[in-house]
């Protein structure tokens, strides 16, 4: 099957011509003879996805996260980290459990772990994070997040806060 593209990015170089895929594997690139449009690129990895296609990661059900993965894959993202904004601890823990359940269901875009964007952020630079749920970095406060449903692969933390170095080292 041909993709019908005008060019592809291969090892960082632009190769003009179509791409042939055989049983889900790229068989040939740079094939002439078609007037394709578009550009084929390697699958992308998005490391901060708070929501997509109308689905909020924090409040999603497992099936909704699978659907979000389908939408991401349609737009070229083949791996992603669902990202949790600061909220009540139990709500964030529940979302991590849901992310783990969704990861077990598979899908066209793979969940590569979870990103905790809070709660260990500075109230002085809270941005969109609700200040009432921010907390001082603490190894004991982090522990429940690390044993829930999905591996935490990225954590945003305010390095200037007391306890940040301990959490980062733990």
N, C-alpha and C. Protein backbone atom coordinates (compact mmCIF):
# COMPACT_ATOMS: atom_id res chain seq x y z
N UNK A 1 0.85 -1.18 0.00
CA UNK A 1 0.00 0.00 0.00
C UNK A 1 0.90 1.24 0.00
N UNK A 2 0.54 2.19 -0.85
CA UNK A 2 1.24 3.46 -0.87
C UNK A 2 0.51 4.48 -0.01
N UNK A 3 1.28 5.39 0.61
CA UNK A 3 0.69 6.42 1.45
C UNK A 3 0.15 7.60 0.65
N UNK A 4 0.69 7.82 -0.54
CA UNK A 4 0.24 8.94 -1.35
C UNK A 4 0.83 10.27 -0.90
N UNK A 5 2.08 10.25 -0.44
CA UNK A 5 2.74 11.46 0.03
C UNK A 5 3.73 11.96 -1.02
N UNK A 6 4.11 13.22 -0.90
CA UNK A 6 5.07 13.82 -1.82
C UNK A 6 6.51 13.56 -1.38
N UNK A 7 6.71 13.32 -0.08
CA UNK A 7 8.07 13.11 0.44
C UNK A 7 7.99 12.50 1.83
N UNK A 8 9.15 12.06 2.30
CA UNK A 8 9.24 11.49 3.64
C UNK A 8 10.52 11.98 4.30
N UNK A 9 10.51 12.06 5.62
CA UNK A 9 11.71 12.37 6.37
C UNK A 9 12.32 11.03 6.80
N UNK A 10 13.56 10.79 6.35
CA UNK A 10 14.26 9.55 6.66
C UNK A 10 15.63 9.91 7.23
N UNK A 11 15.89 9.50 8.46
CA UNK A 11 17.16 9.81 9.12
C UNK A 11 17.49 11.30 9.05
N UNK A 12 16.48 12.13 9.19
CA UNK A 12 16.67 13.58 9.22
C UNK A 12 16.76 14.24 7.86
N UNK A 13 16.69 13.46 6.79
CA UNK A 13 16.79 14.02 5.43
C UNK A 13 15.43 13.89 4.72
N UNK A 14 15.16 14.86 3.86
CA UNK A 14 13.93 14.85 3.06
C UNK A 14 14.15 13.98 1.83
N UNK A 15 13.33 12.96 1.67
CA UNK A 15 13.40 12.06 0.51
C UNK A 15 12.12 12.26 -0.29
N UNK A 16 12.25 12.79 -1.49
CA UNK A 16 11.09 13.06 -2.34
C UNK A 16 10.54 11.75 -2.90
N UNK A 17 9.21 11.69 -3.00
CA UNK A 17 8.54 10.50 -3.54
C UNK A 17 7.67 9.87 -2.49
N UNK A 18 6.91 8.91 -2.94
CA UNK A 18 5.92 8.25 -2.10
C UNK A 18 6.58 7.22 -1.18
N UNK A 19 5.79 6.68 -0.26
CA UNK A 19 6.23 5.66 0.69
C UNK A 19 5.33 4.45 0.53
N UNK A 20 5.95 3.28 0.47
CA UNK A 20 5.19 2.04 0.40
C UNK A 20 5.27 1.32 1.75
N UNK A 21 4.11 0.86 2.22
CA UNK A 21 4.02 0.14 3.48
C UNK A 21 3.52 -1.26 3.18
N UNK A 22 4.20 -2.26 3.73
CA UNK A 22 3.81 -3.65 3.54
C UNK A 22 3.61 -4.30 4.91
N UNK A 23 2.41 -4.69 5.22
CA UNK A 23 2.06 -5.33 6.49
C UNK A 23 2.49 -4.48 7.69
N UNK A 24 2.24 -3.18 7.59
CA UNK A 24 2.53 -2.27 8.69
C UNK A 24 3.98 -1.84 8.80
N UNK A 25 4.82 -2.25 7.86
CA UNK A 25 6.25 -1.92 7.89
C UNK A 25 6.60 -1.13 6.63
N UNK A 26 7.41 -0.10 6.78
CA UNK A 26 7.85 0.67 5.61
C UNK A 26 8.72 -0.21 4.74
N UNK A 27 8.30 -0.40 3.48
CA UNK A 27 9.01 -1.27 2.55
C UNK A 27 9.93 -0.47 1.63
N UNK A 28 9.45 0.68 1.15
CA UNK A 28 10.27 1.50 0.25
C UNK A 28 9.90 2.98 0.43
N UNK A 29 10.88 3.85 0.19
CA UNK A 29 10.65 5.30 0.20
C UNK A 29 11.22 5.88 -1.08
N UNK A 30 10.75 7.06 -1.44
CA UNK A 30 11.27 7.73 -2.63
C UNK A 30 10.72 7.16 -3.92
N UNK A 31 9.53 6.60 -3.88
CA UNK A 31 8.92 5.99 -5.05
C UNK A 31 8.32 7.08 -5.92
N UNK A 32 8.66 7.08 -7.19
CA UNK A 32 8.13 8.07 -8.13
C UNK A 32 6.81 7.60 -8.73
N UNK A 33 6.30 8.41 -9.60
CA UNK A 33 5.14 8.01 -10.36
C UNK A 33 3.80 8.45 -9.79
N UNK A 34 3.78 9.12 -8.66
CA UNK A 34 2.52 9.63 -8.13
C UNK A 34 2.67 11.11 -7.84
N UNK A 35 1.56 11.79 -7.86
CA UNK A 35 1.57 13.21 -7.52
C UNK A 35 0.99 13.36 -6.13
N UNK A 36 1.64 12.76 -5.14
CA UNK A 36 1.13 12.78 -3.78
C UNK A 36 1.24 14.14 -3.13
N UNK A 37 0.57 14.27 -2.01
CA UNK A 37 0.66 15.49 -1.21
C UNK A 37 0.99 15.09 0.22
N UNK A 38 1.48 16.01 0.95
CA UNK A 38 1.79 15.75 2.35
C UNK A 38 3.20 15.21 2.55
N UNK A 39 3.53 15.03 3.81
CA UNK A 39 4.86 14.61 4.21
C UNK A 39 4.75 13.51 5.25
N UNK A 40 5.42 12.40 5.01
CA UNK A 40 5.45 11.32 6.00
C UNK A 40 6.63 11.56 6.94
N UNK A 41 6.35 11.52 8.23
CA UNK A 41 7.40 11.72 9.24
C UNK A 41 7.30 10.57 10.25
N UNK A 42 8.38 10.31 10.98
CA UNK A 42 8.30 9.28 12.03
C UNK A 42 7.23 9.66 13.05
N UNK A 43 6.69 8.67 13.73
CA UNK A 43 5.69 8.93 14.75
C UNK A 43 6.25 9.83 15.84
N UNK A 44 5.44 10.75 16.31
CA UNK A 44 5.84 11.72 17.31
C UNK A 44 5.55 11.20 18.72
N UNK A 45 6.26 11.75 19.70
CA UNK A 45 6.02 11.45 21.11
C UNK A 45 5.71 12.78 21.79
N UNK A 46 4.56 12.85 22.45
CA UNK A 46 4.14 14.07 23.15
C UNK A 46 4.23 13.81 24.65
N UNK A 47 5.09 14.55 25.32
CA UNK A 47 5.36 14.30 26.72
C UNK A 47 4.52 15.13 27.68
N UNK A 48 3.59 15.93 27.15
CA UNK A 48 2.68 16.68 28.01
C UNK A 48 1.32 16.79 27.34
N UNK A 49 0.44 15.87 27.70
CA UNK A 49 -0.90 15.85 27.14
C UNK A 49 -1.89 15.93 28.30
N UNK A 50 -2.34 17.14 28.60
CA UNK A 50 -3.35 17.33 29.65
C UNK A 50 -4.73 16.93 29.16
N UNK A 51 -4.92 17.00 27.88
CA UNK A 51 -6.18 16.63 27.26
C UNK A 51 -6.06 16.77 25.76
N UNK A 52 -7.01 16.18 25.06
CA UNK A 52 -6.98 16.23 23.60
C UNK A 52 -8.33 15.76 23.10
N UNK A 53 -8.76 16.29 21.99
CA UNK A 53 -10.00 15.89 21.34
C UNK A 53 -11.19 15.96 22.30
N UNK A 54 -11.20 16.99 23.16
CA UNK A 54 -12.30 17.19 24.08
C UNK A 54 -12.26 16.32 25.33
N UNK A 55 -11.15 15.62 25.55
CA UNK A 55 -11.03 14.72 26.70
C UNK A 55 -9.99 15.29 27.65
N UNK A 56 -10.36 15.45 28.92
CA UNK A 56 -9.47 15.95 29.97
C UNK A 56 -8.89 14.74 30.70
N UNK A 57 -7.57 14.62 30.73
CA UNK A 57 -6.92 13.47 31.35
C UNK A 57 -7.35 13.29 32.80
N UNK A 58 -7.46 14.36 33.53
CA UNK A 58 -7.76 14.29 34.96
C UNK A 58 -9.11 13.64 35.25
N UNK A 59 -10.08 13.80 34.36
CA UNK A 59 -11.43 13.31 34.59
C UNK A 59 -11.85 12.18 33.66
N UNK A 60 -10.93 11.68 32.85
CA UNK A 60 -11.27 10.69 31.83
C UNK A 60 -11.47 9.29 32.41
N UNK A 61 -12.27 8.51 31.73
CA UNK A 61 -12.42 7.08 31.97
C UNK A 61 -11.43 6.35 31.06
N UNK A 62 -11.10 5.09 31.35
CA UNK A 62 -10.13 4.37 30.51
C UNK A 62 -10.46 4.39 29.02
N UNK A 63 -11.72 4.14 28.68
CA UNK A 63 -12.11 4.15 27.27
C UNK A 63 -11.91 5.51 26.60
N UNK A 64 -12.13 6.57 27.37
CA UNK A 64 -11.92 7.92 26.82
C UNK A 64 -10.45 8.16 26.54
N UNK A 65 -9.57 7.63 27.40
CA UNK A 65 -8.13 7.79 27.14
C UNK A 65 -7.70 7.00 25.91
N UNK A 66 -8.31 5.83 25.69
CA UNK A 66 -8.03 5.07 24.47
C UNK A 66 -8.49 5.87 23.26
N UNK A 67 -9.67 6.48 23.35
CA UNK A 67 -10.17 7.31 22.25
C UNK A 67 -9.25 8.51 22.03
N UNK A 68 -8.76 9.12 23.11
CA UNK A 68 -7.81 10.22 22.97
C UNK A 68 -6.56 9.74 22.25
N UNK A 69 -6.11 8.53 22.58
CA UNK A 69 -4.96 7.95 21.89
C UNK A 69 -5.21 7.77 20.40
N UNK A 70 -6.43 7.38 20.04
CA UNK A 70 -6.77 7.26 18.61
C UNK A 70 -6.67 8.62 17.92
N UNK A 71 -7.19 9.65 18.58
CA UNK A 71 -7.14 11.00 18.01
C UNK A 71 -5.70 11.47 17.87
N UNK A 72 -4.89 11.22 18.89
CA UNK A 72 -3.48 11.61 18.81
C UNK A 72 -2.78 10.89 17.66
N UNK A 73 -3.05 9.59 17.52
CA UNK A 73 -2.41 8.81 16.45
C UNK A 73 -2.80 9.33 15.08
N UNK A 74 -4.06 9.74 14.92
CA UNK A 74 -4.49 10.31 13.63
C UNK A 74 -3.68 11.56 13.28
N UNK A 75 -3.18 12.24 14.32
CA UNK A 75 -2.40 13.46 14.10
C UNK A 75 -0.90 13.22 14.20
N UNK A 76 -0.48 11.95 14.20
CA UNK A 76 0.94 11.62 14.11
C UNK A 76 1.64 11.31 15.43
N UNK A 77 0.92 11.33 16.54
CA UNK A 77 1.53 11.04 17.84
C UNK A 77 1.34 9.55 18.14
N UNK A 78 2.44 8.83 18.29
CA UNK A 78 2.36 7.40 18.53
C UNK A 78 2.73 7.00 19.95
N UNK A 79 3.22 7.95 20.73
CA UNK A 79 3.51 7.73 22.14
C UNK A 79 3.22 9.01 22.90
N UNK A 80 2.65 8.88 24.12
CA UNK A 80 2.34 10.10 24.86
C UNK A 80 2.31 9.84 26.36
N UNK A 81 2.52 10.93 27.11
CA UNK A 81 2.42 10.92 28.56
C UNK A 81 1.18 11.69 28.98
N UNK A 82 0.15 11.01 29.43
CA UNK A 82 -0.98 11.74 30.00
C UNK A 82 -0.46 12.58 31.18
N UNK A 83 -0.87 13.84 31.22
CA UNK A 83 -0.32 14.79 32.20
C UNK A 83 -1.42 15.27 33.13
N UNK A 84 -1.12 15.21 34.43
CA UNK A 84 -2.09 15.61 35.44
C UNK A 84 -1.74 16.98 36.00
N UNK A 85 -2.68 17.89 35.93
CA UNK A 85 -2.53 19.18 36.60
C UNK A 85 -2.84 18.97 38.08
N UNK A 86 -2.47 19.93 38.88
CA UNK A 86 -2.70 19.85 40.32
C UNK A 86 -4.19 19.82 40.61
N UNK A 87 -4.56 18.90 41.49
CA UNK A 87 -5.94 18.76 41.96
C UNK A 87 -5.86 18.11 43.34
N UNK A 88 -7.01 17.80 43.91
CA UNK A 88 -7.03 17.08 45.18
C UNK A 88 -6.27 15.78 45.01
N UNK A 89 -5.52 15.38 46.04
CA UNK A 89 -4.67 14.20 45.95
C UNK A 89 -5.46 12.97 45.50
N UNK A 90 -6.61 12.71 46.09
CA UNK A 90 -7.39 11.52 45.72
C UNK A 90 -7.82 11.56 44.26
N UNK A 91 -8.12 12.73 43.77
CA UNK A 91 -8.52 12.87 42.36
C UNK A 91 -7.34 12.55 41.45
N UNK A 92 -6.15 13.04 41.81
CA UNK A 92 -4.95 12.76 41.02
C UNK A 92 -4.60 11.27 41.08
N UNK A 93 -4.72 10.66 42.26
CA UNK A 93 -4.44 9.23 42.40
C UNK A 93 -5.42 8.40 41.58
N UNK A 94 -6.67 8.80 41.60
CA UNK A 94 -7.67 8.10 40.78
C UNK A 94 -7.35 8.19 39.30
N UNK A 95 -6.89 9.35 38.87
CA UNK A 95 -6.53 9.53 37.46
C UNK A 95 -5.34 8.65 37.09
N UNK A 96 -4.37 8.51 38.00
CA UNK A 96 -3.23 7.62 37.73
C UNK A 96 -3.69 6.17 37.57
N UNK A 97 -4.63 5.75 38.39
CA UNK A 97 -5.19 4.40 38.27
C UNK A 97 -5.86 4.24 36.91
N UNK A 98 -6.63 5.24 36.51
CA UNK A 98 -7.32 5.20 35.21
C UNK A 98 -6.32 5.15 34.06
N UNK A 99 -5.25 5.91 34.15
CA UNK A 99 -4.22 5.91 33.10
C UNK A 99 -3.61 4.51 32.99
N UNK A 100 -3.34 3.88 34.13
CA UNK A 100 -2.81 2.52 34.10
C UNK A 100 -3.78 1.54 33.45
N UNK A 101 -5.06 1.69 33.74
CA UNK A 101 -6.07 0.82 33.12
C UNK A 101 -6.10 1.03 31.61
N UNK A 102 -6.05 2.29 31.18
CA UNK A 102 -6.08 2.60 29.75
C UNK A 102 -4.83 2.07 29.06
N UNK A 103 -3.69 2.16 29.71
CA UNK A 103 -2.44 1.65 29.12
C UNK A 103 -2.56 0.15 28.87
N UNK A 104 -3.25 -0.55 29.75
CA UNK A 104 -3.43 -1.98 29.59
C UNK A 104 -4.36 -2.36 28.45
N UNK A 105 -5.15 -1.42 27.97
CA UNK A 105 -6.08 -1.69 26.88
C UNK A 105 -5.44 -1.59 25.51
N UNK A 106 -4.22 -1.01 25.45
CA UNK A 106 -3.56 -0.83 24.16
C UNK A 106 -4.18 0.30 23.38
N UNK A 107 -3.79 0.40 22.15
CA UNK A 107 -4.31 1.46 21.28
C UNK A 107 -3.24 1.93 20.33
N UNK A 108 -3.62 2.73 19.37
CA UNK A 108 -2.66 3.16 18.35
C UNK A 108 -1.59 4.12 18.86
N UNK A 109 -1.87 4.85 19.93
CA UNK A 109 -0.85 5.71 20.54
C UNK A 109 -0.56 5.13 21.93
N UNK A 110 0.69 4.79 22.17
CA UNK A 110 1.07 4.13 23.41
C UNK A 110 1.26 5.12 24.55
N UNK A 111 0.71 4.79 25.70
CA UNK A 111 0.95 5.57 26.91
C UNK A 111 2.33 5.17 27.41
N UNK A 112 3.24 6.13 27.50
CA UNK A 112 4.63 5.85 27.86
C UNK A 112 4.92 6.19 29.32
N UNK A 113 3.88 6.40 30.11
CA UNK A 113 4.03 6.78 31.51
C UNK A 113 3.18 8.01 31.77
N UNK A 114 3.15 8.43 33.02
CA UNK A 114 2.35 9.60 33.39
C UNK A 114 3.26 10.76 33.78
N UNK A 115 2.78 11.95 33.57
CA UNK A 115 3.49 13.18 33.91
C UNK A 115 2.71 13.89 35.02
N UNK A 116 3.32 14.00 36.19
CA UNK A 116 2.73 14.78 37.28
C UNK A 116 3.20 16.22 37.11
N UNK A 117 2.30 17.08 36.71
CA UNK A 117 2.66 18.50 36.53
C UNK A 117 2.52 19.24 37.85
N UNK A 118 2.04 18.63 38.84
CA UNK A 118 1.90 19.17 40.18
C UNK A 118 1.80 17.99 41.11
N UNK A 119 1.66 18.15 42.35
CA UNK A 119 1.27 19.35 43.10
C UNK A 119 2.44 20.12 43.71
N UNK A 120 3.68 19.75 43.39
CA UNK A 120 4.84 20.35 44.05
C UNK A 120 5.35 21.57 43.29
N UNK A 121 4.47 22.53 43.10
CA UNK A 121 4.79 23.75 42.38
C UNK A 121 4.74 24.94 43.33
N UNK A 122 5.36 26.02 42.91
CA UNK A 122 5.40 27.22 43.73
C UNK A 122 4.08 27.99 43.64
N UNK A 123 3.50 28.35 44.77
CA UNK A 123 2.29 29.18 44.73
C UNK A 123 2.54 30.52 44.05
N UNK A 124 3.78 30.98 44.07
CA UNK A 124 4.10 32.26 43.42
C UNK A 124 4.09 32.15 41.90
N UNK A 125 4.15 30.92 41.38
CA UNK A 125 4.15 30.70 39.93
C UNK A 125 3.19 29.56 39.58
N UNK A 126 2.00 29.64 40.11
CA UNK A 126 1.04 28.54 39.97
C UNK A 126 0.44 28.43 38.58
N UNK A 127 0.40 29.52 37.83
CA UNK A 127 -0.22 29.47 36.51
C UNK A 127 -1.65 28.98 36.60
N UNK A 128 -1.98 27.94 35.85
CA UNK A 128 -3.34 27.39 35.82
C UNK A 128 -3.62 26.42 36.97
N UNK A 129 -2.63 26.17 37.81
CA UNK A 129 -2.79 25.21 38.90
C UNK A 129 -3.49 25.85 40.10
N UNK A 130 -4.52 25.21 40.63
CA UNK A 130 -5.23 25.77 41.80
C UNK A 130 -4.29 25.81 43.01
N UNK A 131 -4.07 26.99 43.54
CA UNK A 131 -3.13 27.19 44.65
C UNK A 131 -3.52 26.37 45.87
N UNK A 132 -4.82 26.17 46.09
CA UNK A 132 -5.24 25.45 47.29
C UNK A 132 -4.79 23.98 47.30
N UNK A 133 -4.41 23.43 46.15
CA UNK A 133 -3.97 22.04 46.11
C UNK A 133 -2.46 21.88 45.99
N UNK A 134 -1.75 22.99 45.84
CA UNK A 134 -0.28 22.92 45.78
C UNK A 134 0.25 22.52 47.15
N UNK A 135 1.37 21.82 47.17
CA UNK A 135 1.96 21.43 48.45
C UNK A 135 3.47 21.46 48.37
N UNK A 136 4.07 21.54 49.54
CA UNK A 136 5.52 21.53 49.65
C UNK A 136 6.03 20.14 49.23
N UNK A 137 7.11 20.09 48.46
CA UNK A 137 7.66 18.79 48.07
C UNK A 137 8.03 17.97 49.30
N UNK A 138 7.61 16.72 49.30
CA UNK A 138 7.84 15.84 50.44
C UNK A 138 7.85 14.40 49.93
N UNK A 139 8.87 13.65 50.32
CA UNK A 139 9.00 12.27 49.85
C UNK A 139 7.78 11.44 50.26
N UNK A 140 7.30 11.63 51.48
CA UNK A 140 6.13 10.86 51.94
C UNK A 140 4.88 11.25 51.15
N UNK A 141 4.75 12.51 50.80
CA UNK A 141 3.59 12.95 50.03
C UNK A 141 3.65 12.41 48.59
N UNK A 142 4.87 12.20 48.08
CA UNK A 142 5.04 11.68 46.72
C UNK A 142 4.76 10.18 46.65
N UNK A 143 5.07 9.45 47.69
CA UNK A 143 5.01 7.98 47.67
C UNK A 143 3.71 7.41 47.10
N UNK A 144 2.53 7.89 47.50
CA UNK A 144 1.30 7.29 46.96
C UNK A 144 1.18 7.43 45.43
N UNK A 145 1.78 8.46 44.87
CA UNK A 145 1.71 8.67 43.43
C UNK A 145 2.54 7.64 42.67
N UNK A 146 3.55 7.11 43.32
CA UNK A 146 4.48 6.21 42.65
C UNK A 146 4.03 4.76 42.64
N UNK A 147 2.94 4.46 43.32
CA UNK A 147 2.48 3.08 43.38
C UNK A 147 1.06 2.93 42.83
N UNK A 148 0.60 3.90 42.06
CA UNK A 148 -0.75 3.89 41.53
C UNK A 148 -0.76 3.60 40.04
N UNK A 149 -1.33 2.55 39.61
CA UNK A 149 -1.74 2.26 38.25
C UNK A 149 -0.78 2.48 37.10
N UNK A 150 -0.10 3.58 37.06
CA UNK A 150 0.75 3.92 35.92
C UNK A 150 2.06 4.50 36.44
N UNK A 151 3.15 4.11 35.82
CA UNK A 151 4.45 4.64 36.22
C UNK A 151 4.51 6.14 35.98
N UNK A 152 4.98 6.87 36.98
CA UNK A 152 5.22 8.30 36.82
C UNK A 152 6.60 8.43 36.20
N UNK A 153 6.63 8.91 34.96
CA UNK A 153 7.89 9.00 34.22
C UNK A 153 8.44 10.42 34.16
N UNK A 154 7.59 11.41 34.44
CA UNK A 154 8.03 12.80 34.48
C UNK A 154 7.28 13.50 35.61
N UNK A 155 8.00 14.38 36.31
CA UNK A 155 7.37 15.15 37.37
C UNK A 155 7.88 16.58 37.28
N UNK A 156 6.97 17.53 37.22
CA UNK A 156 7.33 18.94 37.25
C UNK A 156 7.34 19.36 38.71
N UNK A 157 8.44 19.97 39.13
CA UNK A 157 8.60 20.35 40.53
C UNK A 157 9.32 21.70 40.59
N UNK A 158 8.94 22.52 41.54
CA UNK A 158 9.60 23.81 41.73
C UNK A 158 10.90 23.56 42.51
N UNK A 159 12.04 23.69 41.89
CA UNK A 159 13.30 23.34 42.55
C UNK A 159 13.66 24.28 43.70
N UNK A 160 13.06 25.45 43.74
CA UNK A 160 13.39 26.42 44.78
C UNK A 160 12.68 26.13 46.12
N UNK A 161 11.71 25.22 46.09
CA UNK A 161 10.96 24.94 47.32
C UNK A 161 11.73 23.99 48.24
N UNK A 162 11.59 24.22 49.54
CA UNK A 162 12.17 23.31 50.52
C UNK A 162 11.64 21.91 50.30
N UNK A 163 12.52 20.93 50.30
CA UNK A 163 12.14 19.54 50.09
C UNK A 163 12.28 19.07 48.66
N UNK A 164 12.44 19.99 47.71
CA UNK A 164 12.51 19.60 46.30
C UNK A 164 13.70 18.69 46.02
N UNK A 165 14.85 18.99 46.60
CA UNK A 165 16.03 18.16 46.37
C UNK A 165 15.82 16.75 46.90
N UNK A 166 15.15 16.62 48.04
CA UNK A 166 14.88 15.30 48.60
C UNK A 166 13.94 14.50 47.72
N UNK A 167 12.92 15.15 47.19
CA UNK A 167 11.97 14.47 46.31
C UNK A 167 12.68 14.07 45.01
N UNK A 168 13.50 14.94 44.48
CA UNK A 168 14.23 14.64 43.25
C UNK A 168 15.22 13.52 43.42
N UNK A 169 15.80 13.39 44.59
CA UNK A 169 16.79 12.35 44.84
C UNK A 169 16.15 11.02 45.19
N UNK A 170 14.89 11.08 45.65
CA UNK A 170 14.21 9.87 46.13
C UNK A 170 13.64 9.11 45.01
